[in-house]
Amino acid sequence: YDKVGHFAQGFIPALIAREILIRKAVINGAGWRFFFIASFCLAFSAFYELLEWWVAVASETGADAFLATQGYVWDTQSDMWYALLGAIIGLVSLSRLHDRQLARLPG
């Protein structure tokens, strides 16, 4: 379930960030908006991985036991990959629907 959680860690914030950026007209170009949102989600995932590491160091427990890497040395990188994948899939699959919903809003 860890990978599903990290996928959602990219998928859900991507849609929230897209909503905010469009409503506030922060980034108007669709390509730049897509790039920024994907980068934001990847940065958010990386920050989460750093938090996990800091807690493991601060708690003075075995980092492998706390981080639940199960001996997989690329666990942190694969977690970030799943978050990035979630963000990209969320943006690609739901952008048109989101645009239609935004167009129906009054004002």
N, C-alpha and C. Protein backbone atom coordinates (compact mmCIF):
# COMPACT_ATOMS: atom_id res chain seq x y z
N TYR A 1 0.81 -1.20 0.00
CA TYR A 1 0.00 0.00 0.00
C TYR A 1 0.85 1.27 0.00
N ASP A 2 2.12 1.14 0.30
CA ASP A 2 3.01 2.29 0.35
C ASP A 2 3.05 3.00 -1.00
N LYS A 3 3.17 2.24 -2.07
CA LYS A 3 3.26 2.84 -3.40
C LYS A 3 1.95 3.50 -3.82
N VAL A 4 0.83 2.92 -3.41
CA VAL A 4 -0.48 3.53 -3.69
C VAL A 4 -0.57 4.88 -2.99
N GLY A 5 -0.10 4.93 -1.74
CA GLY A 5 -0.09 6.18 -1.00
C GLY A 5 0.78 7.24 -1.65
N HIS A 6 1.93 6.85 -2.15
CA HIS A 6 2.81 7.81 -2.81
C HIS A 6 2.25 8.24 -4.16
N PHE A 7 1.56 7.34 -4.86
CA PHE A 7 0.88 7.71 -6.10
C PHE A 7 -0.17 8.78 -5.79
N ALA A 8 -0.96 8.57 -4.73
CA ALA A 8 -1.96 9.56 -4.33
C ALA A 8 -1.32 10.86 -3.87
N GLN A 9 -0.11 10.76 -3.32
CA GLN A 9 0.63 11.94 -2.87
C GLN A 9 0.97 12.86 -4.05
N GLY A 10 0.98 12.33 -5.25
CA GLY A 10 1.18 13.16 -6.44
C GLY A 10 -0.13 13.49 -7.11
N PHE A 11 -1.03 12.52 -7.20
CA PHE A 11 -2.30 12.67 -7.92
C PHE A 11 -3.17 13.77 -7.31
N ILE A 12 -3.39 13.71 -6.01
CA ILE A 12 -4.31 14.63 -5.35
C ILE A 12 -3.77 16.06 -5.30
N PRO A 13 -2.52 16.28 -4.87
CA PRO A 13 -2.01 17.66 -4.88
C PRO A 13 -1.94 18.27 -6.28
N ALA A 14 -1.75 17.44 -7.30
CA ALA A 14 -1.70 17.97 -8.67
C ALA A 14 -3.02 18.61 -9.05
N LEU A 15 -4.11 17.98 -8.69
CA LEU A 15 -5.42 18.53 -9.02
C LEU A 15 -5.73 19.77 -8.20
N ILE A 16 -5.32 19.77 -6.94
CA ILE A 16 -5.53 20.94 -6.10
C ILE A 16 -4.69 22.11 -6.61
N ALA A 17 -3.43 21.85 -6.93
CA ALA A 17 -2.55 22.91 -7.45
C ALA A 17 -3.07 23.45 -8.77
N ARG A 18 -3.58 22.57 -9.63
CA ARG A 18 -4.13 23.02 -10.92
C ARG A 18 -5.31 23.96 -10.70
N GLU A 19 -6.18 23.59 -9.79
CA GLU A 19 -7.34 24.42 -9.47
C GLU A 19 -6.91 25.81 -9.01
N ILE A 20 -5.97 25.87 -8.11
CA ILE A 20 -5.51 27.15 -7.57
C ILE A 20 -4.82 27.98 -8.64
N LEU A 21 -3.94 27.35 -9.42
CA LEU A 21 -3.21 28.11 -10.45
C LEU A 21 -4.14 28.67 -11.52
N ILE A 22 -5.16 27.92 -11.88
CA ILE A 22 -6.10 28.41 -12.90
C ILE A 22 -6.98 29.51 -12.33
N ARG A 23 -7.56 29.27 -11.17
CA ARG A 23 -8.47 30.28 -10.58
C ARG A 23 -7.77 31.58 -10.27
N LYS A 24 -6.52 31.52 -9.83
CA LYS A 24 -5.77 32.73 -9.51
C LYS A 24 -5.00 33.29 -10.70
N ALA A 25 -5.07 32.60 -11.84
CA ALA A 25 -4.37 33.02 -13.07
C ALA A 25 -2.89 33.26 -12.82
N VAL A 26 -2.27 32.34 -12.10
CA VAL A 26 -0.85 32.47 -11.78
C VAL A 26 0.00 32.13 -13.00
N ILE A 27 -0.32 31.01 -13.64
CA ILE A 27 0.40 30.58 -14.84
C ILE A 27 -0.64 30.31 -15.91
N ASN A 28 -0.60 31.07 -16.98
CA ASN A 28 -1.64 30.96 -18.00
C ASN A 28 -1.36 29.91 -19.06
N GLY A 29 -0.12 29.65 -19.38
CA GLY A 29 0.22 28.67 -20.41
C GLY A 29 0.04 27.25 -19.89
N ALA A 30 -0.67 26.42 -20.64
CA ALA A 30 -0.96 25.05 -20.22
C ALA A 30 0.32 24.22 -20.04
N GLY A 31 1.27 24.39 -20.94
CA GLY A 31 2.51 23.62 -20.85
C GLY A 31 3.33 23.98 -19.62
N TRP A 32 3.46 25.29 -19.37
CA TRP A 32 4.20 25.73 -18.18
C TRP A 32 3.47 25.33 -16.90
N ARG A 33 2.14 25.42 -16.94
CA ARG A 33 1.36 25.02 -15.77
C ARG A 33 1.57 23.54 -15.47
N PHE A 34 1.53 22.70 -16.50
CA PHE A 34 1.75 21.26 -16.34
C PHE A 34 3.12 21.00 -15.74
N PHE A 35 4.15 21.65 -16.29
CA PHE A 35 5.52 21.49 -15.80
C PHE A 35 5.64 21.92 -14.34
N PHE A 36 5.06 23.08 -14.02
CA PHE A 36 5.14 23.60 -12.65
C PHE A 36 4.45 22.66 -11.67
N ILE A 37 3.27 22.18 -12.02
CA ILE A 37 2.51 21.31 -11.12
C ILE A 37 3.26 19.99 -10.91
N ALA A 38 3.77 19.40 -11.98
CA ALA A 38 4.53 18.15 -11.84
C ALA A 38 5.77 18.37 -10.98
N SER A 39 6.45 19.49 -11.18
CA SER A 39 7.63 19.82 -10.38
C SER A 39 7.26 20.04 -8.92
N PHE A 40 6.15 20.72 -8.68
CA PHE A 40 5.68 20.96 -7.32
C PHE A 40 5.39 19.64 -6.61
N CYS A 41 4.71 18.74 -7.29
CA CYS A 41 4.37 17.45 -6.68
C CYS A 41 5.63 16.63 -6.40
N LEU A 42 6.59 16.67 -7.29
CA LEU A 42 7.85 15.96 -7.06
C LEU A 42 8.60 16.58 -5.88
N ALA A 43 8.61 17.90 -5.79
CA ALA A 43 9.26 18.57 -4.67
C ALA A 43 8.56 18.25 -3.36
N PHE A 44 7.23 18.20 -3.37
CA PHE A 44 6.46 17.85 -2.18
C PHE A 44 6.81 16.44 -1.73
N SER A 45 6.91 15.53 -2.66
CA SER A 45 7.26 14.14 -2.34
C SER A 45 8.68 14.06 -1.78
N ALA A 46 9.60 14.79 -2.37
CA ALA A 46 10.98 14.79 -1.88
C ALA A 46 11.05 15.36 -0.47
N PHE A 47 10.28 16.41 -0.20
CA PHE A 47 10.25 16.99 1.14
C PHE A 47 9.69 15.99 2.15
N TYR A 48 8.67 15.25 1.75
CA TYR A 48 8.10 14.22 2.63
C TYR A 48 9.15 13.16 2.95
N GLU A 49 9.91 12.75 1.95
CA GLU A 49 10.97 11.76 2.18
C GLU A 49 12.04 12.31 3.12
N LEU A 50 12.36 13.59 3.00
CA LEU A 50 13.31 14.21 3.93
C LEU A 50 12.76 14.23 5.35
N LEU A 51 11.46 14.54 5.49
CA LEU A 51 10.84 14.50 6.81
C LEU A 51 10.94 13.11 7.44
N GLU A 52 10.67 12.09 6.65
CA GLU A 52 10.80 10.71 7.15
C GLU A 52 12.22 10.45 7.64
N TRP A 53 13.18 10.90 6.89
CA TRP A 53 14.59 10.70 7.25
C TRP A 53 14.93 11.46 8.54
N TRP A 54 14.48 12.73 8.64
CA TRP A 54 14.77 13.53 9.83
C TRP A 54 14.15 12.90 11.08
N VAL A 55 12.94 12.38 10.97
CA VAL A 55 12.30 11.73 12.11
C VAL A 55 13.07 10.47 12.51
N ALA A 56 13.52 9.73 11.53
CA ALA A 56 14.31 8.52 11.82
C ALA A 56 15.61 8.87 12.54
N VAL A 57 16.26 9.94 12.09
CA VAL A 57 17.51 10.37 12.73
C VAL A 57 17.22 10.90 14.14
N ALA A 58 16.17 11.70 14.29
CA ALA A 58 15.86 12.31 15.59
C ALA A 58 15.39 11.28 16.61
N SER A 59 14.71 10.25 16.15
CA SER A 59 14.18 9.25 17.09
C SER A 59 15.24 8.24 17.51
N GLU A 60 16.38 8.27 16.86
CA GLU A 60 17.50 7.39 17.16
C GLU A 60 17.12 5.91 17.08
N THR A 61 16.15 5.59 16.26
CA THR A 61 15.81 4.19 16.00
C THR A 61 16.52 3.76 14.73
N GLY A 62 16.48 2.51 14.45
CA GLY A 62 17.07 2.04 13.20
C GLY A 62 16.33 2.63 12.02
N ALA A 63 17.04 3.36 11.19
CA ALA A 63 16.39 4.05 10.06
C ALA A 63 15.67 3.06 9.15
N ASP A 64 16.26 1.89 8.91
CA ASP A 64 15.60 0.91 8.04
C ASP A 64 14.28 0.45 8.63
N ALA A 65 14.24 0.26 9.94
CA ALA A 65 13.00 -0.18 10.59
C ALA A 65 11.95 0.93 10.54
N PHE A 66 12.36 2.16 10.80
CA PHE A 66 11.40 3.26 10.82
C PHE A 66 10.88 3.58 9.43
N LEU A 67 11.77 3.61 8.45
CA LEU A 67 11.39 4.01 7.10
C LEU A 67 10.71 2.89 6.32
N ALA A 68 10.73 1.69 6.84
CA ALA A 68 10.07 0.54 6.20
C ALA A 68 10.55 0.33 4.77
N THR A 69 11.86 0.41 4.57
CA THR A 69 12.41 0.22 3.23
C THR A 69 12.47 -1.25 2.84
N GLN A 70 12.33 -2.14 3.80
CA GLN A 70 12.36 -3.59 3.56
C GLN A 70 13.62 -4.02 2.79
N GLY A 71 14.72 -3.32 3.03
CA GLY A 71 15.96 -3.68 2.39
C GLY A 71 16.10 -3.19 0.95
N TYR A 72 15.14 -2.44 0.46
CA TYR A 72 15.17 -1.92 -0.91
C TYR A 72 15.87 -0.57 -0.90
N VAL A 73 17.09 -0.53 -1.45
CA VAL A 73 17.91 0.68 -1.36
C VAL A 73 17.34 1.85 -2.16
N TRP A 74 16.48 1.58 -3.13
CA TRP A 74 15.91 2.63 -3.97
C TRP A 74 14.49 3.01 -3.53
N ASP A 75 14.13 2.69 -2.29
CA ASP A 75 12.76 2.93 -1.83
C ASP A 75 12.38 4.41 -1.90
N THR A 76 13.26 5.29 -1.46
CA THR A 76 12.97 6.73 -1.47
C THR A 76 12.76 7.22 -2.89
N GLN A 77 13.63 6.80 -3.80
CA GLN A 77 13.52 7.25 -5.18
C GLN A 77 12.26 6.69 -5.85
N SER A 78 11.93 5.43 -5.55
CA SER A 78 10.73 4.86 -6.16
C SER A 78 9.47 5.51 -5.59
N ASP A 79 9.51 5.90 -4.31
CA ASP A 79 8.37 6.62 -3.73
C ASP A 79 8.15 7.94 -4.47
N MET A 80 9.24 8.66 -4.74
CA MET A 80 9.12 9.93 -5.46
C MET A 80 8.68 9.69 -6.90
N TRP A 81 9.13 8.60 -7.52
CA TRP A 81 8.71 8.26 -8.87
C TRP A 81 7.20 8.03 -8.92
N TYR A 82 6.66 7.31 -7.94
CA TYR A 82 5.22 7.06 -7.92
C TYR A 82 4.43 8.35 -7.71
N ALA A 83 4.95 9.27 -6.90
CA ALA A 83 4.29 10.56 -6.73
C ALA A 83 4.30 11.35 -8.04
N LEU A 84 5.43 11.37 -8.72
CA LEU A 84 5.50 12.06 -10.01
C LEU A 84 4.57 11.41 -11.02
N LEU A 85 4.55 10.10 -11.05
CA LEU A 85 3.65 9.37 -11.96
C LEU A 85 2.20 9.70 -11.64
N GLY A 86 1.85 9.75 -10.37
CA GLY A 86 0.49 10.12 -9.97
C GLY A 86 0.11 11.51 -10.44
N ALA A 87 1.04 12.45 -10.31
CA ALA A 87 0.78 13.82 -10.75
C ALA A 87 0.57 13.87 -12.26
N ILE A 88 1.41 13.21 -13.00
CA ILE A 88 1.30 13.23 -14.46
C ILE A 88 0.01 12.55 -14.91
N ILE A 89 -0.30 11.40 -14.36
CA ILE A 89 -1.52 10.70 -14.75
C ILE A 89 -2.75 11.52 -14.36
N GLY A 90 -2.73 12.14 -13.19
CA GLY A 90 -3.84 12.98 -12.78
C GLY A 90 -4.05 14.14 -13.73
N LEU A 91 -2.97 14.80 -14.12
CA LEU A 91 -3.09 15.94 -15.03
C LEU A 91 -3.53 15.51 -16.42
N VAL A 92 -2.96 14.44 -16.93
CA VAL A 92 -3.31 14.00 -18.28
C VAL A 92 -4.75 13.49 -18.35
N SER A 93 -5.16 12.75 -17.35
CA SER A 93 -6.48 12.11 -17.41
C SER A 93 -7.63 13.03 -17.01
N LEU A 94 -7.39 14.04 -16.21
CA LEU A 94 -8.50 14.84 -15.70
C LEU A 94 -8.49 16.31 -16.11
N SER A 95 -7.50 16.76 -16.86
CA SER A 95 -7.43 18.18 -17.22
C SER A 95 -8.62 18.63 -18.06
N ARG A 96 -9.02 17.85 -19.03
CA ARG A 96 -10.16 18.25 -19.87
C ARG A 96 -11.45 18.33 -19.05
N LEU A 97 -11.69 17.34 -18.22
CA LEU A 97 -12.87 17.37 -17.36
C LEU A 97 -12.83 18.57 -16.43
N HIS A 98 -11.68 18.84 -15.88
CA HIS A 98 -11.51 19.97 -14.98
C HIS A 98 -11.79 21.28 -15.72
N ASP A 99 -11.28 21.42 -16.94
CA ASP A 99 -11.51 22.63 -17.73
C ASP A 99 -13.00 22.82 -18.02
N ARG A 100 -13.70 21.72 -18.34
CA ARG A 100 -15.15 21.82 -18.59
C ARG A 100 -15.90 22.25 -17.33
N GLN A 101 -15.51 21.71 -16.20
CA GLN A 101 -16.16 22.08 -14.95
C GLN A 101 -15.90 23.55 -14.61
N LEU A 102 -14.68 24.01 -14.82
CA LEU A 102 -14.36 25.41 -14.56
C LEU A 102 -15.12 26.33 -15.50
N ALA A 103 -15.33 25.92 -16.75
CA ALA A 103 -16.06 26.74 -17.72
C ALA A 103 -17.52 26.91 -17.33
N ARG A 104 -18.08 25.95 -16.60
CA ARG A 104 -19.48 26.02 -16.19
C ARG A 104 -19.70 26.88 -14.96
N LEU A 105 -18.63 27.28 -14.28
CA LEU A 105 -18.79 28.10 -13.10
C LEU A 105 -19.29 29.49 -13.46
N PRO A 106 -20.17 30.06 -12.65
CA PRO A 106 -20.65 31.41 -12.95
C PRO A 106 -19.56 32.45 -12.74
N GLY A 107 -19.64 33.51 -13.53
CA GLY A 107 -18.75 34.65 -13.37
C GLY A 107 -17.46 34.48 -14.03
